[in-house]
Amino acid sequence: MISPVSPLMTAYQADALNLLSQLQQLKDRIKVLDAEAKDVQKQLAIAFAAGDLDDYKDPDQPNTIRHDDSVFVFCPGRITYDFQSCADVLEKERALKEAKEISIALGIAAKKQGNAFWSVKN
């Protein structure tokens, strides 16, 4: 492995390593921004529930707020179900998993490739 300061490094290698550094910085900033956004959304949910935004609600869509030429929609969250106590559902899930594994092993399941991306770990 060539070190980042090696005189043997080509300009292309240096550019590629620079791109990796840029990606690391961007991913770090995204983590910070995601945490800040989550905190602001939590505070907004409290304000929304308290009625602090009632004067700004769309009369036809009570979860919609219009402010600064933007539309904000409060989404209370998706309802999910826990089937851990439903033996018949668990058995069918196990059977489906087994059927999928067999289809893959036999080569009859179509393979789909997802979009390429870079993972960054510190």
PDB file of N, CA and C in Angstrom:
ATOM      1  N   MET A   1       0.850  -1.178   0.000  1.00  0.00           N
ATOM      2  CA  MET A   1       0.000   0.000   0.000  1.00  0.00           C
ATOM      3  C   MET A   1       0.891   1.234   0.000  1.00  0.00           C
ATOM      4  N   ILE A   2       0.589   2.161  -0.871  1.00  0.00           N
ATOM      5  CA  ILE A   2       1.355   3.394  -0.974  1.00  0.00           C
ATOM      6  C   ILE A   2       0.793   4.387   0.042  1.00  0.00           C
ATOM      7  N   SER A   3       1.685   5.045   0.796  1.00  0.00           N
ATOM      8  CA  SER A   3       1.222   6.020   1.784  1.00  0.00           C
ATOM      9  C   SER A   3       0.761   7.284   1.074  1.00  0.00           C
ATOM     10  N   PRO A   4      -0.102   8.077   1.721  1.00  0.00           N
ATOM     11  CA  PRO A   4      -0.633   9.283   1.085  1.00  0.00           C
ATOM     12  C   PRO A   4       0.420  10.311   0.697  1.00  0.00           C
ATOM     13  N   VAL A   5       1.643  10.221   1.218  1.00  0.00           N
ATOM     14  CA  VAL A   5       2.675  11.212   0.895  1.00  0.00           C
ATOM     15  C   VAL A   5       3.776  10.642   0.009  1.00  0.00           C
ATOM     16  N   SER A   6       3.551   9.493  -0.547  1.00  0.00           N
ATOM     17  CA  SER A   6       4.571   8.823  -1.348  1.00  0.00           C
ATOM     18  C   SER A   6       4.846   9.562  -2.651  1.00  0.00           C
ATOM     19  N   PRO A   7       6.118   9.762  -2.980  1.00  0.00           N
ATOM     20  CA  PRO A   7       6.459  10.402  -4.260  1.00  0.00           C
ATOM     21  C   PRO A   7       6.144   9.485  -5.446  1.00  0.00           C
ATOM     22  N   LEU A   8       5.883   8.199  -5.182  1.00  0.00           N
ATOM     23  CA  LEU A   8       5.558   7.259  -6.251  1.00  0.00           C
ATOM     24  C   LEU A   8       4.084   7.327  -6.652  1.00  0.00           C
ATOM     25  N   MET A   9       3.325   8.096  -5.928  1.00  0.00           N
ATOM     26  CA  MET A   9       1.899   8.191  -6.191  1.00  0.00           C
ATOM     27  C   MET A   9       1.645   9.020  -7.449  1.00  0.00           C
ATOM     28  N   THR A  10       0.744   8.537  -8.292  1.00  0.00           N
ATOM     29  CA  THR A  10       0.376   9.294  -9.483  1.00  0.00           C
ATOM     30  C   THR A  10      -0.620  10.394  -9.097  1.00  0.00           C
ATOM     31  N   ALA A  11      -0.790  11.328  -9.985  1.00  0.00           N
ATOM     32  CA  ALA A  11      -1.772  12.390  -9.753  1.00  0.00           C
ATOM     33  C   ALA A  11      -3.173  11.795  -9.652  1.00  0.00           C
ATOM     34  N   TYR A  12      -3.434  10.740 -10.414  1.00  0.00           N
ATOM     35  CA  TYR A  12      -4.743  10.091 -10.366  1.00  0.00           C
ATOM     36  C   TYR A  12      -4.978   9.438  -9.008  1.00  0.00           C
ATOM     37  N   GLN A  13      -3.926   8.816  -8.471  1.00  0.00           N
ATOM     38  CA  GLN A  13      -4.052   8.200  -7.150  1.00  0.00           C
ATOM     39  C   GLN A  13      -4.283   9.272  -6.085  1.00  0.00           C
ATOM     40  N   ALA A  14      -3.550  10.362  -6.179  1.00  0.00           N
ATOM     41  CA  ALA A  14      -3.717  11.450  -5.210  1.00  0.00           C
ATOM     42  C   ALA A  14      -5.139  12.010  -5.295  1.00  0.00           C
ATOM     43  N   ASP A  15      -5.646  12.181  -6.516  1.00  0.00           N
ATOM     44  CA  ASP A  15      -7.015  12.670  -6.684  1.00  0.00           C
ATOM     45  C   ASP A  15      -8.026  11.689  -6.099  1.00  0.00           C
ATOM     46  N   ALA A  16      -7.795  10.402  -6.327  1.00  0.00           N
ATOM     47  CA  ALA A  16      -8.714   9.390  -5.801  1.00  0.00           C
ATOM     48  C   ALA A  16      -8.711   9.385  -4.280  1.00  0.00           C
ATOM     49  N   LEU A  17      -7.518   9.492  -3.679  1.00  0.00           N
ATOM     50  CA  LEU A  17      -7.435   9.544  -2.217  1.00  0.00           C
ATOM     51  C   LEU A  17      -8.093  10.813  -1.681  1.00  0.00           C
ATOM     52  N   ASN A  18      -7.947  11.908  -2.418  1.00  0.00           N
ATOM     53  CA  ASN A  18      -8.605  13.145  -2.030  1.00  0.00           C
ATOM     54  C   ASN A  18     -10.126  12.979  -2.046  1.00  0.00           C
ATOM     55  N   LEU A  19     -10.632  12.252  -3.040  1.00  0.00           N
ATOM     56  CA  LEU A  19     -12.071  11.989  -3.102  1.00  0.00           C
ATOM     57  C   LEU A  19     -12.531  11.182  -1.891  1.00  0.00           C
ATOM     58  N   LEU A  20     -11.720  10.211  -1.469  1.00  0.00           N
ATOM     59  CA  LEU A  20     -12.068   9.441  -0.271  1.00  0.00           C
ATOM     60  C   LEU A  20     -12.131  10.353   0.954  1.00  0.00           C
ATOM     61  N   SER A  21     -11.184  11.259   1.072  1.00  0.00           N
ATOM     62  CA  SER A  21     -11.185  12.201   2.195  1.00  0.00           C
ATOM     63  C   SER A  21     -12.407  13.105   2.143  1.00  0.00           C
ATOM     64  N   GLN A  22     -12.756  13.574   0.946  1.00  0.00           N
ATOM     65  CA  GLN A  22     -13.942  14.413   0.798  1.00  0.00           C
ATOM     66  C   GLN A  22     -15.200  13.662   1.208  1.00  0.00           C
ATOM     67  N   LEU A  23     -15.279  12.395   0.788  1.00  0.00           N
ATOM     68  CA  LEU A  23     -16.437  11.580   1.130  1.00  0.00           C
ATOM     69  C   LEU A  23     -16.538  11.412   2.641  1.00  0.00           C
ATOM     70  N   GLN A  24     -15.410  11.168   3.300  1.00  0.00           N
ATOM     71  CA  GLN A  24     -15.400  11.026   4.756  1.00  0.00           C
ATOM     72  C   GLN A  24     -15.925  12.295   5.418  1.00  0.00           C
ATOM     73  N   GLN A  25     -15.459  13.448   4.961  1.00  0.00           N
ATOM     74  CA  GLN A  25     -15.908  14.718   5.535  1.00  0.00           C
ATOM     75  C   GLN A  25     -17.403  14.935   5.308  1.00  0.00           C
ATOM     76  N   LEU A  26     -17.880  14.616   4.117  1.00  0.00           N
ATOM     77  CA  LEU A  26     -19.303  14.768   3.821  1.00  0.00           C
ATOM     78  C   LEU A  26     -20.154  13.849   4.680  1.00  0.00           C
ATOM     79  N   LYS A  27     -19.732  12.591   4.802  1.00  0.00           N
ATOM     80  CA  LYS A  27     -20.487  11.630   5.622  1.00  0.00           C
ATOM     81  C   LYS A  27     -20.524  12.083   7.078  1.00  0.00           C
ATOM     82  N   ASP A  28     -19.411  12.620   7.585  1.00  0.00           N
ATOM     83  CA  ASP A  28     -19.373  13.125   8.962  1.00  0.00           C
ATOM     84  C   ASP A  28     -20.338  14.298   9.132  1.00  0.00           C
ATOM     85  N   ARG A  29     -20.369  15.212   8.153  1.00  0.00           N
ATOM     86  CA  ARG A  29     -21.283  16.354   8.225  1.00  0.00           C
ATOM     87  C   ARG A  29     -22.736  15.897   8.160  1.00  0.00           C
ATOM     88  N   ILE A  30     -23.007  14.891   7.331  1.00  0.00           N
ATOM     89  CA  ILE A  30     -24.369  14.355   7.221  1.00  0.00           C
ATOM     90  C   ILE A  30     -24.821  13.783   8.565  1.00  0.00           C
ATOM     91  N   LYS A  31     -23.923  13.065   9.260  1.00  0.00           N
ATOM     92  CA  LYS A  31     -24.279  12.514  10.578  1.00  0.00           C
ATOM     93  C   LYS A  31     -24.656  13.620  11.547  1.00  0.00           C
ATOM     94  N   VAL A  32     -23.879  14.700  11.546  1.00  0.00           N
ATOM     95  CA  VAL A  32     -24.161  15.831  12.443  1.00  0.00           C
ATOM     96  C   VAL A  32     -25.492  16.467  12.072  1.00  0.00           C
ATOM     97  N   LEU A  33     -25.702  16.710  10.782  1.00  0.00           N
ATOM     98  CA  LEU A  33     -26.950  17.329  10.329  1.00  0.00           C
ATOM     99  C   LEU A  33     -28.156  16.443  10.616  1.00  0.00           C
ATOM    100  N   ASP A  34     -28.015  15.128  10.431  1.00  0.00           N
ATOM    101  CA  ASP A  34     -29.109  14.202  10.735  1.00  0.00           C
ATOM    102  C   ASP A  34     -29.486  14.264  12.215  1.00  0.00           C
ATOM    103  N   ALA A  35     -28.477  14.327  13.082  1.00  0.00           N
ATOM    104  CA  ALA A  35     -28.741  14.415  14.520  1.00  0.00           C
ATOM    105  C   ALA A  35     -29.441  15.732  14.856  1.00  0.00           C
ATOM    106  N   GLU A  36     -28.989  16.824  14.246  1.00  0.00           N
ATOM    107  CA  GLU A  36     -29.626  18.123  14.481  1.00  0.00           C
ATOM    108  C   GLU A  36     -31.067  18.117  13.972  1.00  0.00           C
ATOM    109  N   ALA A  37     -31.290  17.569  12.791  1.00  0.00           N
ATOM    110  CA  ALA A  37     -32.637  17.518  12.218  1.00  0.00           C
ATOM    111  C   ALA A  37     -33.561  16.676  13.092  1.00  0.00           C
ATOM    112  N   LYS A  38     -33.060  15.577  13.616  1.00  0.00           N
ATOM    113  CA  LYS A  38     -33.870  14.717  14.482  1.00  0.00           C
ATOM    114  C   LYS A  38     -34.292  15.473  15.737  1.00  0.00           C
ATOM    115  N   ASP A  39     -33.380  16.242  16.308  1.00  0.00           N
ATOM    116  CA  ASP A  39     -33.686  17.027  17.498  1.00  0.00           C
ATOM    117  C   ASP A  39     -34.725  18.105  17.182  1.00  0.00           C
ATOM    118  N   VAL A  40     -34.559  18.815  16.070  1.00  0.00           N
ATOM    119  CA  VAL A  40     -35.513  19.853  15.681  1.00  0.00           C
ATOM    120  C   VAL A  40     -36.888  19.238  15.423  1.00  0.00           C
ATOM    121  N   GLN A  41     -36.932  18.077  14.772  1.00  0.00           N
ATOM    122  CA  GLN A  41     -38.208  17.422  14.498  1.00  0.00           C
ATOM    123  C   GLN A  41     -38.902  17.004  15.791  1.00  0.00           C
ATOM    124  N   LYS A  42     -38.128  16.554  16.761  1.00  0.00           N
ATOM    125  CA  LYS A  42     -38.703  16.184  18.055  1.00  0.00           C
ATOM    126  C   LYS A  42     -39.326  17.424  18.715  1.00  0.00           C
ATOM    127  N   GLN A  43     -38.615  18.546  18.685  1.00  0.00           N
ATOM    128  CA  GLN A  43     -39.133  19.788  19.256  1.00  0.00           C
ATOM    129  C   GLN A  43     -40.378  20.268  18.501  1.00  0.00           C
ATOM    130  N   LEU A  44     -40.366  20.134  17.162  1.00  0.00           N
ATOM    131  CA  LEU A  44     -41.530  20.527  16.369  1.00  0.00           C
ATOM    132  C   LEU A  44     -42.747  19.656  16.683  1.00  0.00           C
ATOM    133  N   ALA A  45     -42.535  18.372  16.903  1.00  0.00           N
ATOM    134  CA  ALA A  45     -43.640  17.474  17.243  1.00  0.00           C
ATOM    135  C   ALA A  45     -44.279  17.905  18.561  1.00  0.00           C
ATOM    136  N   ILE A  46     -43.452  18.325  19.511  1.00  0.00           N
ATOM    137  CA  ILE A  46     -43.974  18.803  20.796  1.00  0.00           C
ATOM    138  C   ILE A  46     -44.765  20.089  20.591  1.00  0.00           C
ATOM    139  N   ALA A  47     -44.215  21.021  19.801  1.00  0.00           N
ATOM    140  CA  ALA A  47     -44.905  22.280  19.519  1.00  0.00           C
ATOM    141  C   ALA A  47     -46.213  22.029  18.774  1.00  0.00           C
ATOM    142  N   PHE A  48     -46.194  21.089  17.838  1.00  0.00           N
ATOM    143  CA  PHE A  48     -47.388  20.748  17.056  1.00  0.00           C
ATOM    144  C   PHE A  48     -48.471  20.192  17.974  1.00  0.00           C
ATOM    145  N   ALA A  49     -48.088  19.257  18.845  1.00  0.00           N
ATOM    146  CA  ALA A  49     -49.051  18.649  19.770  1.00  0.00           C
ATOM    147  C   ALA A  49     -49.601  19.678  20.765  1.00  0.00           C
ATOM    148  N   ALA A  50     -48.779  20.640  21.130  1.00  0.00           N
ATOM    149  CA  ALA A  50     -49.205  21.673  22.084  1.00  0.00           C
ATOM    150  C   ALA A  50     -50.104  22.721  21.433  1.00  0.00           C
ATOM    151  N   GLY A  51     -50.212  22.695  20.108  1.00  0.00           N
ATOM    152  CA  GLY A  51     -51.057  23.650  19.408  1.00  0.00           C
ATOM    153  C   GLY A  51     -50.359  24.935  19.014  1.00  0.00           C
ATOM    154  N   ASP A  52     -49.054  24.986  19.182  1.00  0.00           N
ATOM    155  CA  ASP A  52     -48.306  26.201  18.870  1.00  0.00           C
ATOM    156  C   ASP A  52     -48.317  26.549  17.386  1.00  0.00           C
ATOM    157  N   LEU A  53     -48.661  25.590  16.538  1.00  0.00           N
ATOM    158  CA  LEU A  53     -48.664  25.834  15.089  1.00  0.00           C
ATOM    159  C   LEU A  53     -50.074  25.855  14.506  1.00  0.00           C
ATOM    160  N   ASP A  54     -51.082  25.817  15.374  1.00  0.00           N
ATOM    161  CA  ASP A  54     -52.473  25.744  14.900  1.00  0.00           C
ATOM    162  C   ASP A  54     -52.841  26.887  13.959  1.00  0.00           C
ATOM    163  N   ASP A  55     -52.347  28.084  14.218  1.00  0.00           N
ATOM    164  CA  ASP A  55     -52.691  29.239  13.378  1.00  0.00           C
ATOM    165  C   ASP A  55     -52.099  29.137  11.972  1.00  0.00           C
ATOM    166  N   TYR A  56     -51.172  28.211  11.774  1.00  0.00           N
ATOM    167  CA  TYR A  56     -50.480  28.086  10.483  1.00  0.00           C
ATOM    168  C   TYR A  56     -50.860  26.818   9.721  1.00  0.00           C
ATOM    169  N   LYS A  57     -51.807  26.065  10.278  1.00  0.00           N
ATOM    170  CA  LYS A  57     -52.233  24.821   9.628  1.00  0.00           C
ATOM    171  C   LYS A  57     -53.077  25.118   8.396  1.00  0.00           C
ATOM    172  N   ASP A  58     -52.954  24.253   7.411  1.00  0.00           N
ATOM    173  CA  ASP A  58     -53.805  24.307   6.235  1.00  0.00           C
ATOM    174  C   ASP A  58     -55.202  23.839   6.680  1.00  0.00           C
ATOM    175  N   PRO A  59     -56.251  24.627   6.426  1.00  0.00           N
ATOM    176  CA  PRO A  59     -57.586  24.237   6.907  1.00  0.00           C
ATOM    177  C   PRO A  59     -58.092  22.921   6.317  1.00  0.00           C
ATOM    178  N   ASP A  60     -57.633  22.569   5.135  1.00  0.00           N
ATOM    179  CA  ASP A  60     -58.085  21.328   4.494  1.00  0.00           C
ATOM    180  C   ASP A  60     -57.218  20.128   4.851  1.00  0.00           C
ATOM    181  N   GLN A  61     -56.019  20.399   5.342  1.00  0.00           N
ATOM    182  CA  GLN A  61     -55.081  19.322   5.690  1.00  0.00           C
ATOM    183  C   GLN A  61     -54.442  19.683   7.030  1.00  0.00           C
ATOM    184  N   PRO A  62     -55.006  19.214   8.131  1.00  0.00           N
ATOM    185  CA  PRO A  62     -54.580  19.656   9.457  1.00  0.00           C
ATOM    186  C   PRO A  62     -53.141  19.291   9.849  1.00  0.00           C
ATOM    187  N   ASN A  63     -52.506  18.393   9.139  1.00  0.00           N
ATOM    188  CA  ASN A  63     -51.103  18.062   9.439  1.00  0.00           C
ATOM    189  C   ASN A  63     -50.134  18.861   8.573  1.00  0.00           C
ATOM    190  N   THR A  64     -50.671  19.819   7.792  1.00  0.00           N
ATOM    191  CA  THR A  64     -49.857  20.593   6.867  1.00  0.00           C
ATOM    192  C   THR A  64     -49.706  22.026   7.360  1.00  0.00           C
ATOM    193  N   ILE A  65     -48.450  22.484   7.376  1.00  0.00           N
ATOM    194  CA  ILE A  65     -48.113  23.846   7.785  1.00  0.00           C
ATOM    195  C   ILE A  65     -47.434  24.523   6.601  1.00  0.00           C
ATOM    196  N   ARG A  66     -47.824  25.741   6.313  1.00  0.00           N
ATOM    197  CA  ARG A  66     -47.174  26.524   5.260  1.00  0.00           C
ATOM    198  C   ARG A  66     -46.404  27.646   5.930  1.00  0.00           C
ATOM    199  N   HIS A  67     -45.096  27.741   5.600  1.00  0.00           N
ATOM    200  CA  HIS A  67     -44.238  28.758   6.219  1.00  0.00           C
ATOM    201  C   HIS A  67     -43.036  29.030   5.320  1.00  0.00           C
ATOM    202  N   ASP A  68     -42.704  30.303   5.126  1.00  0.00           N
ATOM    203  CA  ASP A  68     -41.533  30.697   4.330  1.00  0.00           C
ATOM    204  C   ASP A  68     -41.508  30.042   2.950  1.00  0.00           C
ATOM    205  N   ASP A  69     -42.628  30.056   2.261  1.00  0.00           N
ATOM    206  CA  ASP A  69     -42.736  29.484   0.914  1.00  0.00           C
ATOM    207  C   ASP A  69     -42.425  27.986   0.875  1.00  0.00           C
ATOM    208  N   SER A  70     -42.575  27.320   2.012  1.00  0.00           N
ATOM    209  CA  SER A  70     -42.377  25.872   2.071  1.00  0.00           C
ATOM    210  C   SER A  70     -43.614  25.233   2.684  1.00  0.00           C
ATOM    211  N   VAL A  71     -43.786  23.964   2.397  1.00  0.00           N
ATOM    212  CA  VAL A  71     -44.885  23.196   2.964  1.00  0.00           C
ATOM    213  C   VAL A  71     -44.281  22.117   3.854  1.00  0.00           C
ATOM    214  N   PHE A  72     -44.725  22.091   5.089  1.00  0.00           N
ATOM    215  CA  PHE A  72     -44.249  21.100   6.056  1.00  0.00           C
ATOM    216  C   PHE A  72     -45.418  20.201   6.417  1.00  0.00           C
ATOM    217  N   VAL A  73     -45.207  18.905   6.378  1.00  0.00           N
ATOM    218  CA  VAL A  73     -46.273  17.958   6.700  1.00  0.00           C
ATOM    219  C   VAL A  73     -45.822  17.118   7.883  1.00  0.00           C
ATOM    220  N   PHE A  74     -46.612  17.156   8.962  1.00  0.00           N
ATOM    221  CA  PHE A  74     -46.325  16.315  10.123  1.00  0.00           C
ATOM    222  C   PHE A  74     -46.824  14.907   9.821  1.00  0.00           C
ATOM    223  N   CYS A  75     -45.920  13.947   9.875  1.00  0.00           N
ATOM    224  CA  CYS A  75     -46.252  12.538   9.648  1.00  0.00           C
ATOM    225  C   CYS A  75     -46.120  11.822  10.990  1.00  0.00           C
ATOM    226  N   PRO A  76     -47.221  11.382  11.572  1.00  0.00           N
ATOM    227  CA  PRO A  76     -47.182  10.820  12.915  1.00  0.00           C
ATOM    228  C   PRO A  76     -46.456   9.478  13.018  1.00  0.00           C
ATOM    229  N   GLY A  77     -46.098   8.903  11.932  1.00  0.00           N
ATOM    230  CA  GLY A  77     -45.377   7.621  11.971  1.00  0.00           C
ATOM    231  C   GLY A  77     -46.256   6.484  11.476  1.00  0.00           C
ATOM    232  N   ARG A  78     -45.613   5.534  10.920  1.00  0.00           N
ATOM    233  CA  ARG A  78     -46.289   4.380  10.351  1.00  0.00           C
ATOM    234  C   ARG A  78     -46.651   3.385  11.459  1.00  0.00           C
ATOM    235  N   ILE A  79     -47.817   2.798  11.359  1.00  0.00           N
ATOM    236  CA  ILE A  79     -48.219   1.760  12.300  1.00  0.00           C
ATOM    237  C   ILE A  79     -47.630   0.440  11.823  1.00  0.00           C
ATOM    238  N   THR A  80     -46.979  -0.253  12.719  1.00  0.00           N
ATOM    239  CA  THR A  80     -46.442  -1.580  12.406  1.00  0.00           C
ATOM    240  C   THR A  80     -47.046  -2.587  13.378  1.00  0.00           C
ATOM    241  N   TYR A  81     -46.885  -3.832  13.075  1.00  0.00           N
ATOM    242  CA  TYR A  81     -47.453  -4.894  13.903  1.00  0.00           C
ATOM    243  C   TYR A  81     -46.363  -5.875  14.298  1.00  0.00           C
ATOM    244  N   ASP A  82     -46.486  -6.399  15.497  1.00  0.00           N
ATOM    245  CA  ASP A  82     -45.552  -7.389  16.012  1.00  0.00           C
ATOM    246  C   ASP A  82     -46.258  -8.744  16.001  1.00  0.00           C
ATOM    247  N   PHE A  83     -45.725  -9.660  15.218  1.00  0.00           N
ATOM    248  CA  PHE A  83     -46.349 -10.966  15.056  1.00  0.00           C
ATOM    249  C   PHE A  83     -45.658 -12.057  15.882  1.00  0.00           C
ATOM    250  N   GLN A  84     -44.834 -11.679  16.837  1.00  0.00           N
ATOM    251  CA  GLN A  84     -44.073 -12.664  17.609  1.00  0.00           C
ATOM    252  C   GLN A  84     -44.959 -13.635  18.380  1.00  0.00           C
ATOM    253  N   SER A  85     -46.177 -13.237  18.698  1.00  0.00           N
ATOM    254  CA  SER A  85     -47.071 -14.140  19.441  1.00  0.00           C
ATOM    255  C   SER A  85     -48.070 -14.846  18.526  1.00  0.00           C
ATOM    256  N   CYS A  86     -47.891 -14.738  17.228  1.00  0.00           N
ATOM    257  CA  CYS A  86     -48.797 -15.368  16.256  1.00  0.00           C
ATOM    258  C   CYS A  86     -48.082 -16.564  15.622  1.00  0.00           C
ATOM    259  N   ALA A  87     -48.291 -17.727  16.190  1.00  0.00           N
ATOM    260  CA  ALA A  87     -47.582 -18.929  15.742  1.00  0.00           C
ATOM    261  C   ALA A  87     -47.827 -19.231  14.264  1.00  0.00           C
ATOM    262  N   ASP A  88     -49.056 -19.056  13.795  1.00  0.00           N
ATOM    263  CA  ASP A  88     -49.345 -19.361  12.390  1.00  0.00           C
ATOM    264  C   ASP A  88     -48.595 -18.416  11.439  1.00  0.00           C
ATOM    265  N   VAL A  89     -48.473 -17.157  11.799  1.00  0.00           N
ATOM    266  CA  VAL A  89     -47.740 -16.205  10.963  1.00  0.00           C
ATOM    267  C   VAL A  89     -46.255 -16.545  10.967  1.00  0.00           C
ATOM    268  N   LEU A  90     -45.717 -16.863  12.136  1.00  0.00           N
ATOM    269  CA  LEU A  90     -44.298 -17.218  12.236  1.00  0.00           C
ATOM    270  C   LEU A  90     -43.982 -18.453  11.406  1.00  0.00           C
ATOM    271  N   GLU A  91     -44.872 -19.427  11.414  1.00  0.00           N
ATOM    272  CA  GLU A  91     -44.656 -20.651  10.629  1.00  0.00           C
ATOM    273  C   GLU A  91     -44.675 -20.339   9.130  1.00  0.00           C
ATOM    274  N   LYS A  92     -45.596 -19.487   8.714  1.00  0.00           N
ATOM    275  CA  LYS A  92     -45.671 -19.123   7.296  1.00  0.00           C
ATOM    276  C   LYS A  92     -44.450 -18.302   6.878  1.00  0.00           C
ATOM    277  N   GLU A  93     -43.955 -17.432   7.754  1.00  0.00           N
ATOM    278  CA  GLU A  93     -42.740 -16.674   7.458  1.00  0.00           C
ATOM    279  C   GLU A  93     -41.544 -17.617   7.309  1.00  0.00           C
ATOM    280  N   ARG A  94     -41.454 -18.618   8.190  1.00  0.00           N
ATOM    281  CA  ARG A  94     -40.371 -19.589   8.113  1.00  0.00           C
ATOM    282  C   ARG A  94     -40.463 -20.377   6.810  1.00  0.00           C
ATOM    283  N   ALA A  95     -41.681 -20.779   6.435  1.00  0.00           N
ATOM    284  CA  ALA A  95     -41.873 -21.533   5.191  1.00  0.00           C
ATOM    285  C   ALA A  95     -41.524 -20.663   3.975  1.00  0.00           C
ATOM    286  N   LEU A  96     -41.901 -19.404   4.017  1.00  0.00           N
ATOM    287  CA  LEU A  96     -41.577 -18.497   2.916  1.00  0.00           C
ATOM    288  C   LEU A  96     -40.068 -18.307   2.800  1.00  0.00           C
ATOM    289  N   LYS A  97     -39.402 -18.131   3.934  1.00  0.00           N
ATOM    290  CA  LYS A  97     -37.948 -17.989   3.923  1.00  0.00           C
ATOM    291  C   LYS A  97     -37.289 -19.228   3.319  1.00  0.00           C
ATOM    292  N   GLU A  98     -37.767 -20.380   3.704  1.00  0.00           N
ATOM    293  CA  GLU A  98     -37.229 -21.639   3.171  1.00  0.00           C
ATOM    294  C   GLU A  98     -37.481 -21.738   1.661  1.00  0.00           C
ATOM    295  N   ALA A  99     -38.678 -21.364   1.212  1.00  0.00           N
ATOM    296  CA  ALA A  99     -38.999 -21.414  -0.219  1.00  0.00           C
ATOM    297  C   ALA A  99     -38.104 -20.453  -1.007  1.00  0.00           C
ATOM    298  N   LYS A 100     -37.841 -19.278  -0.443  1.00  0.00           N
ATOM    299  CA  LYS A 100     -36.953 -18.317  -1.107  1.00  0.00           C
ATOM    300  C   LYS A 100     -35.545 -18.883  -1.220  1.00  0.00           C
ATOM    301  N   GLU A 101     -35.050 -19.483  -0.142  1.00  0.00           N
ATOM    302  CA  GLU A 101     -33.699 -20.060  -0.162  1.00  0.00           C
ATOM    303  C   GLU A 101     -33.597 -21.170  -1.204  1.00  0.00           C
ATOM    304  N   ILE A 102     -34.625 -21.983  -1.328  1.00  0.00           N
ATOM    305  CA  ILE A 102     -34.636 -23.064  -2.322  1.00  0.00           C
ATOM    306  C   ILE A 102     -34.633 -22.482  -3.738  1.00  0.00           C
ATOM    307  N   SER A 103     -35.448 -21.445  -3.956  1.00  0.00           N
ATOM    308  CA  SER A 103     -35.492 -20.802  -5.277  1.00  0.00           C
ATOM    309  C   SER A 103     -34.139 -20.215  -5.649  1.00  0.00           C
ATOM    310  N   ILE A 104     -33.465 -19.616  -4.684  1.00  0.00           N
ATOM    311  CA  ILE A 104     -32.126 -19.061  -4.935  1.00  0.00           C
ATOM    312  C   ILE A 104     -31.152 -20.185  -5.263  1.00  0.00           C
ATOM    313  N   ALA A 105     -31.193 -21.254  -4.459  1.00  0.00           N
ATOM    314  CA  ALA A 105     -30.275 -22.380  -4.663  1.00  0.00           C
ATOM    315  C   ALA A 105     -30.492 -23.042  -6.019  1.00  0.00           C
ATOM    316  N   LEU A 106     -31.735 -23.094  -6.476  1.00  0.00           N
ATOM    317  CA  LEU A 106     -32.038 -23.709  -7.772  1.00  0.00           C
ATOM    318  C   LEU A 106     -31.775 -22.764  -8.937  1.00  0.00           C
ATOM    319  N   GLY A 107     -31.522 -21.511  -8.630  1.00  0.00           N
ATOM    320  CA  GLY A 107     -31.234 -20.542  -9.676  1.00  0.00           C
ATOM    321  C   GLY A 107     -32.461 -20.038 -10.411  1.00  0.00           C
ATOM    322  N   ILE A 108     -33.635 -20.209  -9.830  1.00  0.00           N
ATOM    323  CA  ILE A 108     -34.857 -19.764 -10.519  1.00  0.00           C
ATOM    324  C   ILE A 108     -35.340 -18.385 -10.043  1.00  0.00           C
ATOM    325  N   ALA A 109     -34.734 -17.870  -8.985  1.00  0.00           N
ATOM    326  CA  ALA A 109     -35.086 -16.522  -8.517  1.00  0.00           C
ATOM    327  C   ALA A 109     -34.247 -15.510  -9.292  1.00  0.00           C
ATOM    328  N   ALA A 110     -34.917 -14.492  -9.797  1.00  0.00           N
ATOM    329  CA  ALA A 110     -34.198 -13.445 -10.536  1.00  0.00           C
ATOM    330  C   ALA A 110     -33.330 -12.651  -9.565  1.00  0.00           C
ATOM    331  N   LYS A 111     -32.107 -12.394  -9.999  1.00  0.00           N
ATOM    332  CA  LYS A 111     -31.169 -11.634  -9.178  1.00  0.00           C
ATOM    333  C   LYS A 111     -31.223 -10.173  -9.589  1.00  0.00           C
ATOM    334  N   LYS A 112     -31.300  -9.278  -8.601  1.00  0.00           N
ATOM    335  CA  LYS A 112     -31.313  -7.844  -8.869  1.00  0.00           C
ATOM    336  C   LYS A 112     -30.122  -7.216  -8.162  1.00  0.00           C
ATOM    337  N   GLN A 113     -29.416  -6.366  -8.867  1.00  0.00           N
ATOM    338  CA  GLN A 113     -28.267  -5.660  -8.296  1.00  0.00           C
ATOM    339  C   GLN A 113     -28.724  -4.286  -7.843  1.00  0.00           C
ATOM    340  N   GLY A 114     -28.476  -3.949  -6.599  1.00  0.00           N
ATOM    341  CA  GLY A 114     -28.820  -2.625  -6.086  1.00  0.00           C
ATOM    342  C   GLY A 114     -27.848  -1.573  -6.589  1.00  0.00           C
ATOM    343  N   ASN A 115     -28.143  -0.326  -6.273  1.00  0.00           N
ATOM    344  CA  ASN A 115     -27.264   0.774  -6.667  1.00  0.00           C
ATOM    345  C   ASN A 115     -25.959   0.711  -5.882  1.00  0.00           C
ATOM    346  N   ALA A 116     -24.877   1.028  -6.541  1.00  0.00           N
ATOM    347  CA  ALA A 116     -23.565   1.042  -5.891  1.00  0.00           C
ATOM    348  C   ALA A 116     -23.487   2.227  -4.932  1.00  0.00           C
ATOM    349  N   PHE A 117     -22.765   2.058  -3.849  1.00  0.00           N
ATOM    350  CA  PHE A 117     -22.557   3.150  -2.891  1.00  0.00           C
ATOM    351  C   PHE A 117     -21.281   2.887  -2.114  1.00  0.00           C
ATOM    352  N   TRP A 118     -20.826   3.882  -1.402  1.00  0.00           N
ATOM    353  CA  TRP A 118     -19.636   3.763  -0.580  1.00  0.00           C
ATOM    354  C   TRP A 118     -20.035   3.799   0.884  1.00  0.00           C
ATOM    355  N   SER A 119     -19.493   2.891   1.655  1.00  0.00           N
ATOM    356  CA  SER A 119     -19.689   2.880   3.098  1.00  0.00           C
ATOM    357  C   SER A 119     -18.429   3.427   3.735  1.00  0.00           C
ATOM    358  N   VAL A 120     -18.585   4.267   4.758  1.00  0.00           N
ATOM    359  CA  VAL A 120     -17.431   4.861   5.437  1.00  0.00           C
ATOM    360  C   VAL A 120     -17.512   4.490   6.907  1.00  0.00           C
ATOM    361  N   LYS A 121     -16.460   3.888   7.432  1.00  0.00           N
ATOM    362  CA  LYS A 121     -16.411   3.500   8.851  1.00  0.00           C
ATOM    363  C   LYS A 121     -15.216   4.142   9.504  1.00  0.00           C
ATOM    364  N   ASN A 122     -15.437   4.719  10.669  1.00  0.00           N
ATOM    365  CA  ASN A 122     -14.328   5.327  11.424  1.00  0.00           C
ATOM    366  C   ASN A 122     -13.845   4.364  12.471  1.00  0.00           C
TER     367      ASN A 122
END
